[in-house]
N, C-alpha and C. Protein backbone atom coordinates (compact mmCIF):
# COMPACT_ATOMS: atom_id res chain seq x y z
N MET A 1 3.68 17.45 27.79
CA MET A 1 3.32 16.48 26.77
C MET A 1 4.59 16.03 26.06
N THR A 2 4.63 14.75 25.71
CA THR A 2 5.77 14.23 24.97
C THR A 2 5.36 13.90 23.55
N ASP A 3 6.32 14.00 22.63
CA ASP A 3 6.06 13.62 21.25
C ASP A 3 5.67 12.16 21.16
N ASP A 4 6.26 11.31 22.01
CA ASP A 4 5.95 9.88 21.99
C ASP A 4 4.48 9.62 22.30
N ALA A 5 3.92 10.34 23.26
CA ALA A 5 2.51 10.14 23.62
C ALA A 5 1.61 10.57 22.46
N PHE A 6 1.89 11.74 21.89
CA PHE A 6 1.09 12.21 20.76
C PHE A 6 1.20 11.23 19.59
N ASP A 7 2.42 10.82 19.25
CA ASP A 7 2.62 9.87 18.15
C ASP A 7 1.91 8.55 18.42
N GLY A 8 1.91 8.08 19.66
CA GLY A 8 1.24 6.83 20.01
C GLY A 8 -0.26 6.92 19.81
N ILE A 9 -0.84 8.03 20.20
CA ILE A 9 -2.28 8.22 20.01
C ILE A 9 -2.62 8.28 18.52
N MET A 10 -1.87 9.09 17.78
CA MET A 10 -2.16 9.26 16.35
C MET A 10 -1.98 7.95 15.59
N SER A 11 -0.94 7.18 15.88
CA SER A 11 -0.72 5.92 15.15
C SER A 11 -1.79 4.88 15.49
N SER A 12 -2.38 4.97 16.65
CA SER A 12 -3.45 4.05 17.02
C SER A 12 -4.73 4.32 16.24
N LEU A 13 -4.90 5.54 15.73
CA LEU A 13 -6.12 5.88 14.99
C LEU A 13 -6.17 5.22 13.62
N ASP A 14 -5.01 4.99 13.01
CA ASP A 14 -4.90 4.32 11.71
C ASP A 14 -5.87 4.92 10.69
N ALA A 15 -5.61 6.16 10.35
CA ALA A 15 -6.49 6.94 9.47
C ALA A 15 -6.66 6.31 8.09
N PRO A 16 -7.84 6.49 7.49
CA PRO A 16 -8.04 6.07 6.10
C PRO A 16 -7.29 7.04 5.18
N LEU A 17 -6.84 6.54 4.05
CA LEU A 17 -6.09 7.35 3.09
C LEU A 17 -6.95 7.73 1.91
N VAL A 18 -6.71 8.92 1.37
CA VAL A 18 -7.40 9.42 0.18
C VAL A 18 -6.36 9.98 -0.77
N VAL A 19 -6.75 10.10 -2.03
CA VAL A 19 -5.96 10.85 -3.00
C VAL A 19 -6.74 12.12 -3.31
N VAL A 20 -6.07 13.26 -3.18
CA VAL A 20 -6.66 14.55 -3.51
C VAL A 20 -6.08 15.01 -4.84
N THR A 21 -6.95 15.44 -5.75
CA THR A 21 -6.49 15.98 -7.03
C THR A 21 -7.00 17.41 -7.19
N ALA A 22 -6.24 18.18 -7.98
CA ALA A 22 -6.57 19.57 -8.26
C ALA A 22 -6.08 19.90 -9.66
N ALA A 23 -6.63 20.95 -10.24
CA ALA A 23 -6.19 21.36 -11.58
C ALA A 23 -6.43 22.84 -11.79
N THR A 24 -5.57 23.42 -12.59
CA THR A 24 -5.77 24.76 -13.13
C THR A 24 -5.78 24.58 -14.64
N ALA A 25 -5.92 25.65 -15.38
CA ALA A 25 -5.91 25.55 -16.84
C ALA A 25 -4.56 25.05 -17.35
N GLN A 26 -3.48 25.27 -16.59
CA GLN A 26 -2.14 24.92 -17.04
C GLN A 26 -1.62 23.59 -16.50
N GLU A 27 -2.10 23.14 -15.36
CA GLU A 27 -1.51 21.92 -14.78
C GLU A 27 -2.50 21.21 -13.86
N ARG A 28 -2.19 19.94 -13.62
CA ARG A 28 -2.98 19.15 -12.68
C ARG A 28 -2.03 18.46 -11.72
N ALA A 29 -2.56 18.11 -10.56
CA ALA A 29 -1.73 17.53 -9.52
C ALA A 29 -2.57 16.62 -8.64
N GLY A 30 -1.91 15.76 -7.90
CA GLY A 30 -2.59 14.87 -6.97
C GLY A 30 -1.61 14.34 -5.96
N CYS A 31 -2.11 14.06 -4.76
CA CYS A 31 -1.23 13.50 -3.72
C CYS A 31 -2.04 12.63 -2.76
N LEU A 32 -1.31 11.75 -2.09
CA LEU A 32 -1.87 10.90 -1.05
C LEU A 32 -2.02 11.72 0.22
N VAL A 33 -3.18 11.62 0.87
CA VAL A 33 -3.47 12.44 2.04
C VAL A 33 -4.00 11.56 3.18
N GLY A 34 -3.45 11.79 4.35
CA GLY A 34 -3.93 11.10 5.54
C GLY A 34 -4.72 12.01 6.47
N PHE A 35 -4.57 13.33 6.28
CA PHE A 35 -5.28 14.30 7.12
C PHE A 35 -6.49 14.82 6.35
N HIS A 36 -7.68 14.37 6.74
CA HIS A 36 -8.91 14.78 6.07
C HIS A 36 -10.10 14.40 6.95
N SER A 37 -11.20 15.15 6.79
CA SER A 37 -12.38 14.86 7.60
C SER A 37 -13.58 15.70 7.15
N GLN A 38 -14.77 15.14 7.35
CA GLN A 38 -15.98 15.95 7.24
C GLN A 38 -15.88 17.00 8.34
N SER A 39 -16.28 18.23 8.03
CA SER A 39 -16.12 19.29 9.03
C SER A 39 -17.42 20.03 9.33
N SER A 40 -18.50 19.69 8.65
CA SER A 40 -19.79 20.32 8.91
C SER A 40 -20.90 19.46 8.33
N ILE A 41 -22.05 19.46 8.98
CA ILE A 41 -23.21 18.73 8.48
C ILE A 41 -24.07 19.67 7.64
N GLY A 42 -24.27 20.89 8.11
CA GLY A 42 -25.06 21.86 7.37
C GLY A 42 -24.39 23.23 7.43
N PRO A 43 -23.77 23.68 6.40
CA PRO A 43 -23.65 23.03 5.08
C PRO A 43 -22.67 21.86 5.14
N GLU A 44 -22.79 20.99 4.15
CA GLU A 44 -21.86 19.85 4.06
C GLU A 44 -20.50 20.38 3.61
N TRP A 45 -19.50 20.23 4.46
CA TRP A 45 -18.13 20.65 4.16
C TRP A 45 -17.19 19.50 4.45
N TYR A 46 -16.08 19.49 3.72
CA TYR A 46 -15.04 18.49 3.92
C TYR A 46 -13.70 19.22 3.92
N CYS A 47 -12.79 18.82 4.78
CA CYS A 47 -11.48 19.44 4.87
C CYS A 47 -10.39 18.45 4.51
N VAL A 48 -9.39 18.95 3.81
CA VAL A 48 -8.16 18.19 3.56
C VAL A 48 -7.00 19.08 3.96
N TRP A 49 -5.98 18.47 4.52
CA TRP A 49 -4.79 19.19 4.91
C TRP A 49 -3.67 18.74 3.98
N LEU A 50 -3.10 19.69 3.24
CA LEU A 50 -2.05 19.40 2.26
C LEU A 50 -0.71 19.92 2.76
N SER A 51 0.33 19.15 2.51
CA SER A 51 1.68 19.55 2.88
C SER A 51 2.13 20.72 2.01
N LYS A 52 2.73 21.71 2.65
CA LYS A 52 3.25 22.86 1.92
C LYS A 52 4.39 22.47 0.99
N ALA A 53 5.01 21.33 1.21
CA ALA A 53 6.12 20.88 0.37
C ALA A 53 5.63 20.28 -0.95
N ASN A 54 4.35 19.93 -1.04
CA ASN A 54 3.82 19.21 -2.20
C ASN A 54 3.43 20.13 -3.36
N HIS A 55 3.66 19.63 -4.56
CA HIS A 55 3.21 20.28 -5.79
C HIS A 55 1.70 20.45 -5.76
N THR A 56 0.98 19.46 -5.25
CA THR A 56 -0.49 19.52 -5.19
C THR A 56 -0.96 20.72 -4.38
N TYR A 57 -0.28 21.03 -3.30
CA TYR A 57 -0.63 22.18 -2.48
C TYR A 57 -0.60 23.46 -3.32
N ARG A 58 0.47 23.63 -4.09
CA ARG A 58 0.62 24.85 -4.90
C ARG A 58 -0.47 24.94 -5.97
N VAL A 59 -0.82 23.81 -6.58
CA VAL A 59 -1.89 23.81 -7.59
C VAL A 59 -3.24 24.04 -6.91
N ALA A 60 -3.47 23.41 -5.77
CA ALA A 60 -4.75 23.53 -5.06
C ALA A 60 -5.04 24.97 -4.63
N LEU A 61 -4.01 25.74 -4.34
CA LEU A 61 -4.23 27.13 -3.95
C LEU A 61 -4.79 27.97 -5.09
N ARG A 62 -4.53 27.54 -6.33
CA ARG A 62 -5.01 28.26 -7.51
C ARG A 62 -6.25 27.61 -8.12
N ALA A 63 -6.58 26.41 -7.70
CA ALA A 63 -7.72 25.67 -8.25
C ALA A 63 -9.03 26.13 -7.61
N THR A 64 -10.12 25.98 -8.35
CA THR A 64 -11.44 26.30 -7.80
C THR A 64 -12.10 25.09 -7.16
N HIS A 65 -11.68 23.87 -7.59
CA HIS A 65 -12.29 22.63 -7.10
C HIS A 65 -11.19 21.63 -6.71
N LEU A 66 -11.52 20.77 -5.78
CA LEU A 66 -10.66 19.64 -5.41
C LEU A 66 -11.50 18.38 -5.49
N ALA A 67 -10.84 17.27 -5.82
CA ALA A 67 -11.50 15.96 -5.77
C ALA A 67 -10.83 15.14 -4.67
N VAL A 68 -11.65 14.45 -3.90
CA VAL A 68 -11.17 13.57 -2.84
C VAL A 68 -11.58 12.16 -3.23
N HIS A 69 -10.60 11.29 -3.44
CA HIS A 69 -10.83 9.90 -3.84
C HIS A 69 -10.59 9.00 -2.64
N PHE A 70 -11.61 8.30 -2.21
CA PHE A 70 -11.53 7.45 -1.03
C PHE A 70 -11.02 6.08 -1.47
N LEU A 71 -9.82 5.73 -1.03
CA LEU A 71 -9.17 4.51 -1.46
C LEU A 71 -9.70 3.30 -0.70
N THR A 72 -9.78 2.18 -1.41
CA THR A 72 -10.16 0.91 -0.78
C THR A 72 -8.90 0.12 -0.48
N ALA A 73 -9.07 -0.96 0.23
CA ALA A 73 -7.94 -1.82 0.56
C ALA A 73 -7.23 -2.34 -0.69
N ALA A 74 -7.91 -2.37 -1.83
CA ALA A 74 -7.32 -2.84 -3.09
C ALA A 74 -6.56 -1.75 -3.85
N ASP A 75 -6.56 -0.52 -3.34
CA ASP A 75 -5.98 0.61 -4.06
C ASP A 75 -4.56 0.97 -3.64
N LEU A 76 -3.83 0.03 -3.05
CA LEU A 76 -2.46 0.33 -2.64
C LEU A 76 -1.59 0.82 -3.81
N PRO A 77 -1.73 0.29 -5.03
CA PRO A 77 -0.92 0.84 -6.13
C PRO A 77 -1.18 2.33 -6.41
N LEU A 78 -2.43 2.77 -6.27
CA LEU A 78 -2.71 4.19 -6.43
C LEU A 78 -2.10 5.00 -5.29
N ALA A 79 -2.18 4.47 -4.08
CA ALA A 79 -1.56 5.14 -2.94
C ALA A 79 -0.06 5.27 -3.16
N GLU A 80 0.55 4.21 -3.68
CA GLU A 80 1.99 4.26 -3.94
C GLU A 80 2.32 5.31 -5.00
N ARG A 81 1.57 5.33 -6.08
CA ARG A 81 1.81 6.29 -7.16
C ARG A 81 1.69 7.73 -6.65
N PHE A 82 0.58 8.03 -5.96
CA PHE A 82 0.32 9.41 -5.55
C PHE A 82 1.04 9.79 -4.25
N GLY A 83 1.59 8.79 -3.55
CA GLY A 83 2.28 9.08 -2.30
C GLY A 83 3.80 9.08 -2.39
N THR A 84 4.35 8.38 -3.39
CA THR A 84 5.81 8.27 -3.46
C THR A 84 6.42 9.09 -4.59
N LEU A 85 5.65 9.36 -5.62
CA LEU A 85 6.15 10.20 -6.71
C LEU A 85 5.86 11.66 -6.38
N THR A 86 6.65 12.55 -6.93
CA THR A 86 6.39 13.96 -6.74
C THR A 86 6.02 14.60 -8.07
N GLY A 87 4.97 15.39 -8.06
CA GLY A 87 4.51 16.06 -9.26
C GLY A 87 5.51 17.11 -9.77
N ASP A 88 6.49 17.44 -8.95
CA ASP A 88 7.55 18.35 -9.39
C ASP A 88 8.40 17.72 -10.48
N ARG A 89 8.46 16.36 -10.49
CA ARG A 89 9.35 15.67 -11.41
C ARG A 89 8.67 14.61 -12.27
N SER A 90 7.41 14.29 -12.01
CA SER A 90 6.76 13.22 -12.78
C SER A 90 5.27 13.52 -12.97
N ASN A 91 4.71 12.88 -14.00
CA ASN A 91 3.28 12.99 -14.28
C ASN A 91 2.58 11.80 -13.63
N LYS A 92 1.99 12.03 -12.48
CA LYS A 92 1.33 10.95 -11.74
C LYS A 92 0.12 10.39 -12.48
N PHE A 93 -0.42 11.14 -13.43
CA PHE A 93 -1.63 10.73 -14.14
C PHE A 93 -1.33 9.90 -15.40
N ALA A 94 -0.06 9.80 -15.78
CA ALA A 94 0.31 9.09 -17.01
C ALA A 94 -0.22 7.65 -16.98
N GLY A 95 -0.98 7.29 -18.00
CA GLY A 95 -1.50 5.93 -18.12
C GLY A 95 -2.73 5.62 -17.28
N LEU A 96 -3.20 6.57 -16.49
CA LEU A 96 -4.39 6.34 -15.67
C LEU A 96 -5.65 6.85 -16.37
N PRO A 97 -6.74 6.08 -16.32
CA PRO A 97 -8.00 6.61 -16.85
C PRO A 97 -8.53 7.70 -15.92
N VAL A 98 -8.67 8.89 -16.49
CA VAL A 98 -9.09 10.07 -15.73
C VAL A 98 -10.18 10.77 -16.53
N ARG A 99 -11.20 11.26 -15.83
CA ARG A 99 -12.20 12.08 -16.50
C ARG A 99 -12.20 13.45 -15.83
N GLN A 100 -12.67 14.43 -16.55
CA GLN A 100 -12.72 15.78 -16.03
C GLN A 100 -13.99 15.96 -15.22
N GLY A 101 -13.83 16.34 -13.96
CA GLY A 101 -14.97 16.59 -13.10
C GLY A 101 -15.32 18.07 -13.06
N PRO A 102 -16.24 18.45 -12.18
CA PRO A 102 -16.60 19.85 -12.04
C PRO A 102 -15.37 20.73 -11.82
N GLY A 103 -15.36 21.90 -12.45
CA GLY A 103 -14.23 22.81 -12.30
C GLY A 103 -12.97 22.33 -12.98
N GLY A 104 -13.07 21.25 -13.80
CA GLY A 104 -11.91 20.73 -14.51
C GLY A 104 -11.01 19.84 -13.68
N VAL A 105 -11.43 19.50 -12.47
CA VAL A 105 -10.60 18.67 -11.59
C VAL A 105 -10.53 17.24 -12.12
N PRO A 106 -9.34 16.60 -12.08
CA PRO A 106 -9.24 15.21 -12.52
C PRO A 106 -9.91 14.25 -11.53
N VAL A 107 -10.75 13.37 -12.07
CA VAL A 107 -11.39 12.33 -11.26
C VAL A 107 -10.83 10.99 -11.74
N LEU A 108 -10.24 10.25 -10.81
CA LEU A 108 -9.63 8.96 -11.14
C LEU A 108 -10.72 7.92 -11.34
N GLN A 109 -10.81 7.37 -12.54
CA GLN A 109 -11.89 6.44 -12.85
C GLN A 109 -11.76 5.11 -12.12
N ARG A 110 -10.57 4.78 -11.63
CA ARG A 110 -10.39 3.53 -10.88
C ARG A 110 -10.95 3.62 -9.46
N CYS A 111 -11.29 4.82 -9.01
CA CYS A 111 -11.80 5.00 -7.65
C CYS A 111 -13.31 5.15 -7.69
N PRO A 112 -14.03 4.16 -7.16
CA PRO A 112 -15.49 4.21 -7.22
C PRO A 112 -16.13 5.07 -6.12
N HIS A 113 -15.30 5.64 -5.23
CA HIS A 113 -15.82 6.45 -4.12
C HIS A 113 -15.07 7.79 -4.13
N TRP A 114 -15.77 8.86 -4.49
CA TRP A 114 -15.11 10.16 -4.58
C TRP A 114 -16.12 11.28 -4.35
N LEU A 115 -15.58 12.45 -4.06
CA LEU A 115 -16.38 13.66 -4.03
C LEU A 115 -15.55 14.79 -4.62
N VAL A 116 -16.24 15.73 -5.23
CA VAL A 116 -15.62 16.93 -5.78
C VAL A 116 -16.27 18.10 -5.09
N GLY A 117 -15.45 19.05 -4.67
CA GLY A 117 -16.01 20.22 -4.00
C GLY A 117 -15.36 21.51 -4.45
N THR A 118 -16.11 22.58 -4.28
CA THR A 118 -15.61 23.92 -4.52
C THR A 118 -14.79 24.34 -3.31
N ARG A 119 -13.57 24.83 -3.57
CA ARG A 119 -12.71 25.28 -2.47
C ARG A 119 -13.31 26.56 -1.91
N THR A 120 -13.64 26.56 -0.62
CA THR A 120 -14.30 27.70 0.00
C THR A 120 -13.42 28.45 0.98
N ALA A 121 -12.40 27.79 1.53
CA ALA A 121 -11.55 28.46 2.52
C ALA A 121 -10.20 27.77 2.59
N VAL A 122 -9.22 28.55 3.03
CA VAL A 122 -7.86 28.04 3.26
C VAL A 122 -7.45 28.53 4.64
N LEU A 123 -6.96 27.60 5.46
CA LEU A 123 -6.51 27.96 6.82
C LEU A 123 -5.06 27.55 6.98
N ASP A 124 -4.20 28.53 7.15
CA ASP A 124 -2.77 28.29 7.37
C ASP A 124 -2.40 28.87 8.72
N GLU A 125 -2.21 27.98 9.69
CA GLU A 125 -1.87 28.42 11.04
C GLU A 125 -0.37 28.36 11.30
N GLY A 126 0.42 28.15 10.22
CA GLY A 126 1.87 28.18 10.37
C GLY A 126 2.54 26.82 10.44
N GLY A 127 1.77 25.73 10.43
CA GLY A 127 2.37 24.40 10.46
C GLY A 127 2.83 23.97 9.07
N ASP A 128 3.21 22.70 8.96
CA ASP A 128 3.70 22.20 7.67
C ASP A 128 2.58 21.78 6.73
N HIS A 129 1.34 21.76 7.20
CA HIS A 129 0.17 21.44 6.38
C HIS A 129 -0.83 22.59 6.45
N VAL A 130 -1.61 22.76 5.38
CA VAL A 130 -2.61 23.81 5.30
C VAL A 130 -3.97 23.15 5.07
N CYS A 131 -4.98 23.65 5.76
CA CYS A 131 -6.34 23.12 5.64
C CYS A 131 -7.06 23.81 4.49
N LEU A 132 -7.61 23.00 3.59
CA LEU A 132 -8.46 23.52 2.52
C LEU A 132 -9.86 22.96 2.74
N VAL A 133 -10.83 23.84 2.81
CA VAL A 133 -12.22 23.47 3.03
C VAL A 133 -12.92 23.44 1.67
N ILE A 134 -13.66 22.35 1.43
CA ILE A 134 -14.43 22.26 0.19
C ILE A 134 -15.90 22.01 0.51
N GLU A 135 -16.75 22.55 -0.36
CA GLU A 135 -18.18 22.28 -0.28
C GLU A 135 -18.51 21.35 -1.44
N PRO A 136 -18.89 20.10 -1.15
CA PRO A 136 -19.15 19.13 -2.22
C PRO A 136 -20.21 19.59 -3.20
N VAL A 137 -19.91 19.37 -4.49
CA VAL A 137 -20.86 19.67 -5.57
C VAL A 137 -21.18 18.42 -6.38
N ALA A 138 -20.39 17.36 -6.20
CA ALA A 138 -20.64 16.08 -6.87
C ALA A 138 -20.00 14.98 -6.03
N ALA A 139 -20.62 13.81 -6.03
CA ALA A 139 -20.07 12.67 -5.30
C ALA A 139 -20.57 11.38 -5.94
N HIS A 140 -19.80 10.32 -5.73
CA HIS A 140 -20.18 9.02 -6.25
C HIS A 140 -19.68 7.94 -5.28
N SER A 141 -20.50 6.94 -5.05
CA SER A 141 -20.09 5.80 -4.24
C SER A 141 -20.80 4.56 -4.75
N GLU A 142 -20.11 3.45 -4.70
CA GLU A 142 -20.70 2.17 -5.08
C GLU A 142 -21.09 1.36 -3.85
N GLY A 143 -21.30 2.03 -2.72
CA GLY A 143 -21.73 1.36 -1.51
C GLY A 143 -20.62 1.24 -0.49
N PRO A 144 -20.90 0.56 0.62
CA PRO A 144 -19.91 0.42 1.68
C PRO A 144 -18.61 -0.20 1.16
N PHE A 145 -17.49 0.20 1.77
CA PHE A 145 -16.19 -0.31 1.36
C PHE A 145 -15.24 -0.33 2.55
N GLU A 146 -14.20 -1.12 2.41
CA GLU A 146 -13.14 -1.18 3.42
C GLU A 146 -12.06 -0.20 3.00
N PRO A 147 -11.84 0.90 3.76
CA PRO A 147 -10.85 1.89 3.34
C PRO A 147 -9.41 1.39 3.48
N LEU A 148 -8.57 1.90 2.60
CA LEU A 148 -7.13 1.68 2.75
C LEU A 148 -6.68 2.53 3.93
N ARG A 149 -5.97 1.92 4.85
CA ARG A 149 -5.56 2.61 6.07
C ARG A 149 -4.06 2.87 6.08
N LEU A 150 -3.67 3.84 6.87
CA LEU A 150 -2.28 4.24 6.99
C LEU A 150 -1.35 3.07 7.28
N ALA A 151 -1.76 2.17 8.15
CA ALA A 151 -0.91 1.02 8.49
C ALA A 151 -0.64 0.13 7.28
N GLN A 152 -1.60 0.07 6.34
CA GLN A 152 -1.42 -0.75 5.15
C GLN A 152 -0.43 -0.13 4.16
N ALA A 153 -0.17 1.16 4.29
CA ALA A 153 0.73 1.87 3.39
C ALA A 153 1.98 2.36 4.13
N ALA A 154 2.23 1.82 5.30
CA ALA A 154 3.33 2.30 6.15
C ALA A 154 4.70 2.17 5.49
N ASP A 155 4.87 1.26 4.55
CA ASP A 155 6.17 1.05 3.91
C ASP A 155 6.46 2.05 2.79
N LEU A 156 5.49 2.85 2.41
CA LEU A 156 5.69 3.80 1.30
C LEU A 156 6.60 4.94 1.74
N GLU A 157 7.53 5.31 0.87
CA GLU A 157 8.43 6.44 1.13
C GLU A 157 7.85 7.67 0.46
N PRO A 158 7.52 8.72 1.23
CA PRO A 158 6.89 9.91 0.64
C PRO A 158 7.78 10.58 -0.41
N GLY A 159 7.13 11.20 -1.39
CA GLY A 159 7.86 11.94 -2.42
C GLY A 159 8.54 13.17 -1.85
N HIS A 160 7.99 13.73 -0.78
CA HIS A 160 8.59 14.88 -0.07
C HIS A 160 8.62 14.54 1.41
N ASP A 161 9.68 14.93 2.08
CA ASP A 161 9.78 14.78 3.53
C ASP A 161 8.95 15.87 4.19
N SER A 162 8.30 15.56 5.32
CA SER A 162 7.46 16.57 5.98
C SER A 162 8.26 17.77 6.47
N ALA A 163 9.57 17.59 6.69
CA ALA A 163 10.40 18.70 7.16
C ALA A 163 10.96 19.52 5.99
N GLU A 164 10.71 19.08 4.77
CA GLU A 164 11.20 19.78 3.58
C GLU A 164 10.54 21.15 3.49
N PRO A 165 11.32 22.19 3.21
CA PRO A 165 10.70 23.52 3.12
C PRO A 165 9.81 23.62 1.88
N PRO A 166 8.78 24.45 1.95
CA PRO A 166 7.91 24.65 0.79
C PRO A 166 8.69 25.19 -0.40
N ALA A 167 8.28 24.80 -1.60
CA ALA A 167 8.93 25.30 -2.81
C ALA A 167 8.47 26.69 -3.12
């Protein structure tokens, strides 16, 4: 297998983007995520894969709940904020309308499509991303929408490089 073949297949999928948020009593965090999926019908489970280099990953490991915000094609500014800034050096939530969801997780009020879930499992197989499984406890949608896709955000420079070692 070649890296080019794998990369070609993955780039053709053009995954939808989400913002994942987490909080503990001391801090909150959020990041742009391209690796995510429903992982079970019964029980209803959803998985997100977070980079070990991200501040959000470190907060999510201590959080009881995660929020997944499904971005629309109009949400590129949110993708830019949560994908290019790093929570290690900036407050990504500054100036954003946020409400506290279940478990104290921040819910972005500008996102009309979201779910909040209780973190039920963590799977670290040694790669640069770790899978966190959540069981939804709250969700909201305003109906069908056109998701923001990876190709639409291709020009964004990540706050952390994927090869960056975990903090």
